[in-house]
Amino acid sequence: MAKKTLIGTVSSNKMNQTVIVKVEITKVHPKYQKRFRVYRKYAAHTQDKFNVGDKVEIQETKPMSRTKNWTILRKVT
């Protein structure tokens, strides 16, 4: 089974070994066909230090805590 990967922006790095990644998805309204943005925040595990604003790729993993089900694969340039 393939694991999900998402690309987002680091919005918080104040925790130890955890960063909050904000992922933006574009959806289309079913009736009016207008496109709009939806944001979702994910807690991701990391060993490295990432700064706010860095673009990263995250991958789904087994649960590490109550909210942390993702890990950072790499920094996207």
N, C-alpha and C. Protein backbone atom coordinates (compact mmCIF):
# COMPACT_ATOMS: atom_id res chain seq x y z
N MET A 1 0.84 -1.18 0.00
CA MET A 1 0.00 0.00 0.00
C MET A 1 0.88 1.24 0.00
N ALA A 2 0.60 2.17 -0.90
CA ALA A 2 1.38 3.39 -1.00
C ALA A 2 0.98 4.35 0.11
N LYS A 3 1.97 5.01 0.67
CA LYS A 3 1.70 5.99 1.72
C LYS A 3 1.45 7.35 1.08
N LYS A 4 0.58 8.15 1.71
CA LYS A 4 0.26 9.47 1.20
C LYS A 4 1.43 10.41 1.42
N THR A 5 1.66 11.29 0.45
CA THR A 5 2.64 12.35 0.61
C THR A 5 1.97 13.67 0.25
N LEU A 6 2.29 14.71 1.01
CA LEU A 6 1.74 16.04 0.80
C LEU A 6 2.87 17.05 0.84
N ILE A 7 2.67 18.19 0.19
CA ILE A 7 3.65 19.27 0.22
C ILE A 7 3.00 20.47 0.89
N GLY A 8 3.68 21.04 1.87
CA GLY A 8 3.14 22.18 2.60
C GLY A 8 4.23 23.08 3.13
N THR A 9 3.81 24.07 3.90
CA THR A 9 4.72 25.07 4.45
C THR A 9 4.75 24.95 5.97
N VAL A 10 5.94 25.03 6.56
CA VAL A 10 6.08 24.96 8.01
C VAL A 10 5.50 26.25 8.60
N SER A 11 4.53 26.08 9.52
CA SER A 11 3.91 27.26 10.13
C SER A 11 4.31 27.43 11.59
N SER A 12 4.85 26.38 12.23
CA SER A 12 5.30 26.47 13.62
C SER A 12 6.39 25.44 13.86
N ASN A 13 7.44 25.86 14.59
CA ASN A 13 8.53 24.94 14.91
C ASN A 13 8.91 25.05 16.39
N LYS A 14 7.96 25.34 17.25
CA LYS A 14 8.26 25.60 18.66
C LYS A 14 8.34 24.35 19.52
N MET A 15 7.95 23.20 19.00
CA MET A 15 7.99 21.96 19.78
C MET A 15 9.27 21.19 19.49
N ASN A 16 9.63 20.28 20.39
CA ASN A 16 10.79 19.42 20.19
C ASN A 16 10.40 18.28 19.25
N GLN A 17 11.18 18.10 18.17
CA GLN A 17 11.00 17.04 17.19
C GLN A 17 9.64 17.06 16.50
N THR A 18 8.94 18.17 16.52
CA THR A 18 7.64 18.29 15.86
C THR A 18 7.51 19.66 15.23
N VAL A 19 6.99 19.68 14.01
CA VAL A 19 6.67 20.94 13.34
C VAL A 19 5.23 20.86 12.85
N ILE A 20 4.58 22.01 12.72
CA ILE A 20 3.24 22.08 12.18
C ILE A 20 3.36 22.50 10.72
N VAL A 21 2.77 21.69 9.83
CA VAL A 21 2.85 21.94 8.39
C VAL A 21 1.46 22.31 7.89
N LYS A 22 1.37 23.43 7.19
CA LYS A 22 0.10 23.91 6.63
C LYS A 22 0.04 23.52 5.16
N VAL A 23 -0.96 22.70 4.81
CA VAL A 23 -1.11 22.20 3.44
C VAL A 23 -2.30 22.91 2.80
N GLU A 24 -2.10 23.44 1.60
CA GLU A 24 -3.14 24.16 0.88
C GLU A 24 -3.70 23.27 -0.23
N ILE A 25 -5.02 23.16 -0.29
CA ILE A 25 -5.69 22.37 -1.32
C ILE A 25 -6.68 23.28 -2.04
N THR A 26 -6.74 23.19 -3.36
CA THR A 26 -7.70 23.96 -4.14
C THR A 26 -8.90 23.08 -4.45
N LYS A 27 -10.09 23.57 -4.11
CA LYS A 27 -11.33 22.85 -4.39
C LYS A 27 -12.19 23.66 -5.33
N VAL A 28 -13.17 22.99 -5.93
CA VAL A 28 -14.11 23.65 -6.82
C VAL A 28 -15.50 23.53 -6.22
N HIS A 29 -16.21 24.65 -6.15
CA HIS A 29 -17.58 24.63 -5.62
C HIS A 29 -18.47 23.85 -6.57
N PRO A 30 -19.29 22.92 -6.04
CA PRO A 30 -20.07 22.05 -6.93
C PRO A 30 -21.12 22.79 -7.77
N LYS A 31 -21.71 23.83 -7.25
CA LYS A 31 -22.76 24.53 -7.99
C LYS A 31 -22.22 25.68 -8.84
N TYR A 32 -21.37 26.52 -8.23
CA TYR A 32 -20.92 27.75 -8.89
C TYR A 32 -19.60 27.61 -9.64
N GLN A 33 -18.93 26.47 -9.51
CA GLN A 33 -17.68 26.18 -10.22
C GLN A 33 -16.56 27.16 -9.91
N LYS A 34 -16.67 27.87 -8.80
CA LYS A 34 -15.60 28.78 -8.39
C LYS A 34 -14.53 27.99 -7.61
N ARG A 35 -13.29 28.33 -7.87
CA ARG A 35 -12.19 27.67 -7.14
C ARG A 35 -11.89 28.45 -5.87
N PHE A 36 -11.62 27.69 -4.78
CA PHE A 36 -11.27 28.32 -3.52
C PHE A 36 -10.25 27.45 -2.80
N ARG A 37 -9.51 28.11 -1.89
CA ARG A 37 -8.44 27.42 -1.17
C ARG A 37 -8.92 26.94 0.18
N VAL A 38 -8.48 25.73 0.55
CA VAL A 38 -8.77 25.16 1.86
C VAL A 38 -7.43 24.80 2.48
N TYR A 39 -7.24 25.13 3.76
CA TYR A 39 -5.99 24.85 4.46
C TYR A 39 -6.23 23.77 5.51
N ARG A 40 -5.22 22.95 5.74
CA ARG A 40 -5.27 21.94 6.79
C ARG A 40 -3.89 21.89 7.43
N LYS A 41 -3.85 21.76 8.75
CA LYS A 41 -2.58 21.72 9.47
C LYS A 41 -2.31 20.30 9.96
N TYR A 42 -1.07 19.86 9.78
CA TYR A 42 -0.65 18.53 10.20
C TYR A 42 0.56 18.66 11.12
N ALA A 43 0.60 17.86 12.17
CA ALA A 43 1.78 17.78 13.04
C ALA A 43 2.69 16.71 12.46
N ALA A 44 3.94 17.06 12.20
CA ALA A 44 4.88 16.14 11.55
C ALA A 44 6.13 15.97 12.40
N HIS A 45 6.63 14.75 12.45
CA HIS A 45 7.83 14.41 13.21
C HIS A 45 9.07 14.76 12.40
N THR A 46 10.09 15.27 13.08
CA THR A 46 11.34 15.59 12.42
C THR A 46 12.50 15.48 13.40
N GLN A 47 13.66 15.13 12.88
CA GLN A 47 14.89 15.15 13.67
C GLN A 47 15.70 16.41 13.39
N ASP A 48 15.50 17.01 12.20
CA ASP A 48 16.23 18.20 11.79
C ASP A 48 15.49 19.46 12.22
N LYS A 49 16.15 20.59 12.10
CA LYS A 49 15.56 21.88 12.45
C LYS A 49 15.05 22.54 11.17
N PHE A 50 13.77 22.87 11.15
CA PHE A 50 13.17 23.57 10.03
C PHE A 50 12.68 24.92 10.51
N ASN A 51 12.75 25.93 9.65
CA ASN A 51 12.31 27.27 9.98
C ASN A 51 10.91 27.51 9.45
N VAL A 52 10.23 28.49 10.04
CA VAL A 52 8.90 28.86 9.59
C VAL A 52 9.00 29.39 8.16
N GLY A 53 8.15 28.89 7.27
CA GLY A 53 8.17 29.30 5.87
C GLY A 53 8.85 28.31 4.95
N ASP A 54 9.55 27.32 5.51
CA ASP A 54 10.19 26.31 4.67
C ASP A 54 9.13 25.43 4.00
N LYS A 55 9.37 25.09 2.75
CA LYS A 55 8.46 24.20 2.03
C LYS A 55 8.99 22.78 2.20
N VAL A 56 8.14 21.86 2.70
CA VAL A 56 8.57 20.50 2.99
C VAL A 56 7.58 19.50 2.43
N GLU A 57 8.06 18.27 2.26
CA GLU A 57 7.21 17.16 1.85
C GLU A 57 7.03 16.24 3.05
N ILE A 58 5.78 15.90 3.39
CA ILE A 58 5.49 15.03 4.53
C ILE A 58 4.88 13.73 4.04
N GLN A 59 5.11 12.67 4.82
CA GLN A 59 4.61 11.34 4.47
C GLN A 59 3.86 10.75 5.65
N GLU A 60 2.78 10.06 5.38
CA GLU A 60 1.97 9.43 6.41
C GLU A 60 2.73 8.26 7.03
N THR A 61 2.64 8.13 8.37
CA THR A 61 3.30 7.03 9.08
C THR A 61 2.34 6.48 10.13
N LYS A 62 2.83 5.52 10.88
CA LYS A 62 2.02 5.00 11.99
C LYS A 62 1.91 6.09 13.07
N PRO A 63 0.89 6.06 13.89
CA PRO A 63 0.74 7.11 14.92
C PRO A 63 1.90 7.12 15.91
N MET A 64 2.47 8.30 16.12
CA MET A 64 3.55 8.48 17.09
C MET A 64 3.04 9.09 18.38
N SER A 65 1.93 9.81 18.30
CA SER A 65 1.28 10.39 19.46
C SER A 65 -0.18 10.62 19.09
N ARG A 66 -0.90 11.35 19.93
CA ARG A 66 -2.31 11.58 19.67
C ARG A 66 -2.56 12.34 18.36
N THR A 67 -1.71 13.29 18.05
CA THR A 67 -1.93 14.12 16.86
C THR A 67 -0.88 13.91 15.77
N LYS A 68 0.20 13.21 16.05
CA LYS A 68 1.31 13.12 15.11
C LYS A 68 1.28 11.82 14.33
N ASN A 69 0.83 11.91 13.04
CA ASN A 69 0.77 10.74 12.16
C ASN A 69 1.58 10.95 10.89
N TRP A 70 2.39 11.99 10.85
CA TRP A 70 3.16 12.34 9.66
C TRP A 70 4.62 12.52 10.02
N THR A 71 5.50 12.33 9.04
CA THR A 71 6.93 12.58 9.21
C THR A 71 7.43 13.37 8.00
N ILE A 72 8.46 14.16 8.20
CA ILE A 72 9.00 14.97 7.12
C ILE A 72 9.99 14.15 6.32
N LEU A 73 9.77 14.11 4.99
CA LEU A 73 10.70 13.39 4.11
C LEU A 73 11.87 14.26 3.71
N ARG A 74 11.57 15.47 3.18
CA ARG A 74 12.65 16.31 2.69
C ARG A 74 12.18 17.75 2.59
N LYS A 75 13.15 18.62 2.42
CA LYS A 75 12.86 20.03 2.20
C LYS A 75 12.77 20.26 0.71
N VAL A 76 11.69 20.87 0.25
CA VAL A 76 11.48 21.16 -1.17
C VAL A 76 12.08 22.51 -1.48
N THR A 77 12.88 22.59 -2.55
CA THR A 77 13.52 23.86 -2.88
C THR A 77 12.65 24.70 -3.79
